[in-house]
Protein backbone atom coordinates (compact mmCIF):
# COMPACT_ATOMS: atom_id res chain seq x y z
CA MET A 1 -35.35 12.96 25.31
CA ASP A 2 -35.62 9.29 26.04
CA ILE A 3 -32.84 6.88 25.00
CA LEU A 4 -34.38 6.00 21.63
CA GLU A 5 -34.80 9.66 20.72
CA LYS A 6 -31.15 10.31 21.59
CA ILE A 7 -30.04 7.38 19.42
CA ILE A 8 -32.11 8.57 16.45
CA ALA A 9 -30.82 12.13 16.87
CA THR A 10 -27.26 10.80 16.76
CA LYS A 11 -28.09 8.73 13.66
CA ARG A 12 -29.42 11.86 11.94
CA GLU A 13 -26.12 13.62 12.71
CA GLU A 14 -24.17 10.66 11.34
CA MET A 15 -26.23 10.63 8.14
CA ALA A 16 -25.77 14.38 7.73
CA ALA A 17 -22.00 13.85 7.95
CA PHE A 18 -22.28 10.97 5.47
CA HIS A 19 -23.99 13.21 2.89
CA ALA A 20 -21.87 16.29 3.61
CA LYS A 21 -19.64 17.62 0.84
CA LYS A 22 -16.34 15.75 0.80
CA PRO A 23 -12.92 17.23 0.01
CA SER A 24 -12.33 17.22 -3.76
CA LEU A 25 -9.31 15.45 -5.25
CA ARG A 26 -9.84 17.18 -8.57
CA GLN A 27 -9.76 20.64 -7.00
CA ALA A 28 -6.87 19.75 -4.69
CA LEU A 29 -4.74 18.76 -7.69
CA LEU A 30 -5.68 21.88 -9.64
CA ASP A 31 -4.75 24.03 -6.64
CA SER A 32 -1.53 22.23 -5.69
CA ASP A 33 1.93 23.27 -6.82
CA THR A 34 3.22 19.69 -6.49
CA GLY A 35 0.19 17.41 -6.94
CA ILE A 36 1.63 14.58 -4.86
CA ILE A 37 -0.87 11.92 -3.82
CA ALA A 38 1.04 10.17 -1.04
CA GLU A 39 0.05 6.55 -0.58
CA PHE A 40 -0.27 4.44 2.55
CA LYS A 41 0.61 0.96 1.28
CA ARG A 42 1.88 -1.68 3.68
CA ARG A 43 2.25 -4.57 1.25
CA SER A 44 2.20 -5.41 -2.45
CA PRO A 45 1.78 -8.70 -4.37
CA SER A 46 5.14 -8.27 -6.10
CA LYS A 47 7.28 -6.96 -3.18
CA GLY A 48 5.63 -8.54 -0.14
CA TRP A 49 5.63 -6.46 3.05
CA ILE A 50 6.89 -2.91 2.52
CA LYS A 51 6.05 -1.59 5.99
CA GLU A 52 4.22 -4.22 8.03
CA ASP A 53 4.18 -2.01 11.12
CA GLY A 54 2.91 1.08 9.26
CA GLN A 55 0.23 2.86 11.28
CA ALA A 56 -2.77 4.44 9.57
CA ASP A 57 -3.22 6.96 12.39
CA VAL A 58 0.36 8.18 12.01
CA ILE A 59 1.67 8.05 8.42
CA PRO A 60 -1.26 9.68 6.54
CA LEU A 61 -1.33 12.56 9.04
CA SER A 62 2.43 12.94 8.60
CA TYR A 63 1.92 13.05 4.83
CA GLN A 64 -0.60 15.84 5.33
CA ALA A 65 1.77 17.77 7.63
CA ASN A 66 4.54 17.46 5.05
CA GLY A 67 2.62 18.88 2.12
CA ALA A 68 0.78 16.08 0.30
CA ALA A 69 -2.03 17.30 -1.97
CA ALA A 70 -4.05 14.18 -1.18
CA ILE A 71 -3.74 10.74 0.42
CA SER A 72 -4.26 7.29 -1.10
CA ILE A 73 -4.96 4.37 1.23
CA LEU A 74 -4.89 0.73 0.08
CA THR A 75 -7.91 -1.07 1.51
CA ASP A 76 -7.51 -4.50 -0.14
CA GLU A 77 -6.62 -6.91 2.67
CA HIS A 78 -5.62 -10.13 0.91
CA TYR A 79 -2.95 -8.76 -1.44
CA PHE A 80 -2.06 -5.37 0.03
CA GLY A 81 -2.52 -5.78 3.79
CA GLY A 82 -5.10 -3.01 3.84
CA GLN A 83 -8.40 -2.39 5.61
CA ASP A 84 -11.31 0.03 5.23
CA ASP A 85 -10.67 0.93 8.85
CA TYR A 86 -7.33 2.50 7.89
CA ILE A 87 -9.24 5.36 6.26
CA ARG A 88 -11.37 5.73 9.38
CA GLN A 89 -8.23 5.80 11.52
CA ALA A 90 -6.63 8.42 9.26
CA ARG A 91 -9.71 10.64 9.52
CA GLN A 92 -9.87 10.25 13.29
CA SER A 93 -6.20 11.21 13.54
CA GLY A 94 -6.95 14.54 11.86
CA VAL A 95 -6.53 14.01 8.11
CA THR A 96 -8.74 16.49 6.23
CA LEU A 97 -7.23 16.08 2.75
CA PRO A 98 -9.02 14.13 0.02
CA ILE A 99 -8.54 10.41 0.63
CA LEU A 100 -8.57 7.93 -2.24
CA TYR A 101 -10.18 4.57 -1.44
CA LYS A 102 -7.78 2.38 -3.41
CA ASN A 103 -9.15 -1.07 -4.07
CA PHE A 104 -10.37 -3.26 -6.91
CA ILE A 105 -13.98 -2.12 -7.06
CA ILE A 106 -16.38 -4.39 -8.91
CA ASN A 107 -19.58 -3.95 -6.89
CA GLU A 108 -21.76 -1.11 -5.58
CA ALA A 109 -21.38 -2.38 -2.03
CA GLN A 110 -17.72 -1.33 -2.11
CA LEU A 111 -18.78 2.24 -2.89
CA TYR A 112 -20.99 2.35 0.19
CA ALA A 113 -18.07 0.98 2.22
CA ALA A 114 -15.82 3.74 0.86
CA ALA A 115 -18.31 6.45 1.76
CA LEU A 116 -18.92 5.03 5.23
CA CYS A 117 -15.25 4.85 6.20
CA GLY A 118 -14.53 8.45 5.21
CA ALA A 119 -13.09 8.34 1.68
CA SER A 120 -13.77 11.22 -0.68
CA VAL A 121 -12.78 9.57 -3.97
CA VAL A 122 -12.76 5.99 -5.26
CA LEU A 123 -10.58 4.22 -7.79
CA LEU A 124 -12.27 2.54 -10.74
CA ILE A 125 -9.97 0.45 -12.94
CA ALA A 126 -10.84 0.11 -16.63
CA ALA A 127 -9.09 -3.28 -16.82
CA CYS A 128 -11.49 -4.67 -14.17
CA LEU A 129 -14.75 -3.40 -15.66
CA THR A 130 -16.74 -3.20 -18.86
CA LYS A 131 -17.51 0.32 -19.97
CA ALA A 132 -21.16 -0.16 -18.96
CA GLN A 133 -20.16 -1.39 -15.50
CA CYS A 134 -17.80 1.54 -15.09
CA LYS A 135 -20.52 4.02 -16.07
CA SER A 136 -22.97 2.49 -13.60
CA LEU A 137 -20.45 2.49 -10.73
CA MET A 138 -19.42 6.06 -11.52
CA GLN A 139 -23.03 7.22 -11.36
CA LYS A 140 -23.54 5.49 -8.02
CA ALA A 141 -20.29 6.95 -6.64
CA HIS A 142 -21.46 10.44 -7.57
CA GLU A 143 -24.84 9.79 -5.91
CA LEU A 144 -22.90 9.01 -2.73
CA GLY A 145 -20.89 12.23 -3.02
CA LEU A 146 -17.71 10.44 -4.06
CA GLU A 147 -15.42 11.54 -6.87
CA VAL A 148 -13.96 8.97 -9.27
CA LEU A 149 -10.37 8.48 -10.32
CA LEU A 150 -10.63 6.32 -13.43
CA GLU A 151 -7.47 4.34 -14.06
CA MET A 152 -6.39 3.33 -17.57
CA HIS A 153 -3.26 1.55 -18.69
CA SER A 154 -3.45 1.04 -22.47
CA GLU A 155 -4.52 2.96 -25.55
CA ALA A 156 -7.52 0.64 -25.91
CA GLU A 157 -8.76 1.62 -22.44
CA LEU A 158 -8.66 5.35 -23.19
CA GLU A 159 -12.20 5.16 -24.60
CA TYR A 160 -13.35 4.96 -20.95
CA ALA A 161 -12.33 8.63 -20.63
CA GLU A 162 -15.50 9.41 -22.61
CA LEU A 163 -17.38 8.73 -19.35
CA LYS A 164 -15.90 12.00 -18.03
CA PRO A 165 -14.52 10.89 -14.66
CA ASP A 166 -13.48 13.56 -12.18
CA VAL A 167 -9.83 12.55 -12.60
CA CYS A 168 -8.11 10.40 -15.25
CA GLY A 169 -5.29 8.15 -14.06
CA ILE A 170 -2.63 6.48 -16.18
CA ASN A 171 -1.13 3.47 -14.42
CA ASN A 172 2.51 2.89 -15.28
CA ARG A 173 2.26 -0.60 -13.80
CA ASN A 174 0.91 -3.47 -15.86
CA LEU A 175 -1.59 -5.11 -13.50
CA GLY A 176 -0.99 -8.52 -15.06
CA SER A 177 2.81 -8.66 -14.85
CA PHE A 178 3.32 -5.79 -12.31
CA VAL A 179 6.13 -4.46 -14.53
CA THR A 180 6.38 -0.67 -14.25
CA ASP A 181 7.28 1.79 -17.01
CA VAL A 182 6.74 5.54 -16.51
CA GLU A 183 6.98 6.04 -20.28
CA ASN A 184 3.41 4.76 -20.36
CA SER A 185 2.21 8.07 -18.94
CA PHE A 186 4.11 10.13 -21.51
CA ARG A 187 2.83 7.90 -24.32
CA LEU A 188 -0.84 8.14 -23.38
CA ALA A 189 -1.07 11.69 -22.01
CA GLU A 190 -1.62 13.43 -25.32
CA LEU A 191 -4.39 10.98 -26.22
CA LEU A 192 -6.54 11.94 -23.22
CA PRO A 193 -9.07 14.80 -23.43
CA LYS A 194 -7.37 18.19 -23.17
CA ASP A 195 -9.48 19.25 -20.20
CA ALA A 196 -8.89 16.05 -18.21
CA VAL A 197 -7.17 16.33 -14.82
CA LYS A 198 -4.45 13.70 -15.28
CA VAL A 199 -2.70 11.60 -12.64
CA SER A 200 0.37 9.45 -13.25
CA GLU A 201 0.41 6.38 -11.02
CA SER A 202 3.23 4.05 -9.92
CA GLY A 203 6.96 3.86 -10.48
CA ILE A 204 7.69 7.51 -9.69
CA SER A 205 10.82 7.86 -7.56
CA ASN A 206 12.64 10.89 -8.97
CA PRO A 207 11.66 14.58 -8.73
CA ASP A 208 12.91 15.04 -12.31
CA THR A 209 10.25 12.58 -13.44
CA VAL A 210 7.55 14.63 -11.73
CA ARG A 211 8.77 17.80 -13.44
CA ALA A 212 8.75 16.07 -16.84
CA LEU A 213 5.27 14.62 -16.24
CA ARG A 214 3.95 18.03 -15.21
CA ALA A 215 5.34 19.48 -18.43
CA ALA A 216 3.44 16.72 -20.28
CA GLY A 217 0.17 17.87 -18.71
CA PHE A 218 -0.14 15.82 -15.53
CA ARG A 219 -1.47 17.47 -12.37
CA GLY A 220 -1.21 14.53 -9.98
CA PHE A 221 1.50 12.03 -9.10
CA LEU A 222 0.66 8.99 -7.01
CA ILE A 223 3.70 7.92 -5.01
CA GLY A 224 3.64 5.21 -2.37
CA GLU A 225 6.39 2.63 -2.27
CA ASN A 226 9.11 5.27 -2.65
CA PHE A 227 7.97 6.82 0.65
CA MET A 228 6.68 3.75 2.50
CA LYS A 229 9.96 1.83 2.24
CA THR A 230 11.73 4.51 4.31
CA ASP A 231 11.88 4.75 8.10
CA ASP A 232 9.82 7.96 8.05
CA PRO A 233 7.47 8.24 5.02
CA GLY A 234 6.35 11.77 5.91
CA LYS A 235 9.93 13.00 6.10
CA ALA A 236 10.70 11.23 2.80
CA LEU A 237 7.81 13.15 1.22
CA ALA A 238 9.15 16.45 2.58
CA GLU A 239 12.62 15.73 1.17
CA PHE A 240 11.13 14.74 -2.20
CA LYS A 241 9.09 17.95 -2.30
CA SER A 242 12.12 20.09 -1.45
CA LYS A 243 13.81 18.82 -4.64
CA LEU A 244 10.89 19.91 -6.78
């Protein structure tokens, strides 16, 4: 082979990996006895820096070693101190669990970015999109082999569940005020389709809350700040799990 042939052969391998089946968040949550989606979040608009020195090639792998069902990685840079490269770093460190590309997706280009960096599922937020936009982005995500976690916050947004996302998320945090209330999950759970795989997001800091949410029909529990604010997020996850 000459140099060009070698380069093209490598590109074919890279494209095969790009289109290969990705780990499923939906299935991981159905199979898990805890359903914890552990989040790598270095910063937030309301709290400022949570863990400025947090390393994407260390903490996600530690989450995996300590029993997370899946990993969420913030990739928004301006408000959350994230980067797409954090997912790439997590994969290179050995993370094989489903990884959620957590960002404010409004354009197809972001879906390609998610697929290229190694994510297996993307977050679509009903509050950011019309129903038609959400449907279009969901179709494109599926074409790229990505699952969709569709996040809703209010009763009015529950109509988006008709689009049949892979996973339905209820955000306990109001994205306008950033006030968090876990009761939001309990209030909206029974209004979602019975066969939906449900995830409760934000404000979860007590194992008792997870048990109550599971009894209400939730299979996934996205927890970030509660772990990230500790010296050792992976160890904090292990201790949280032990109380379940």
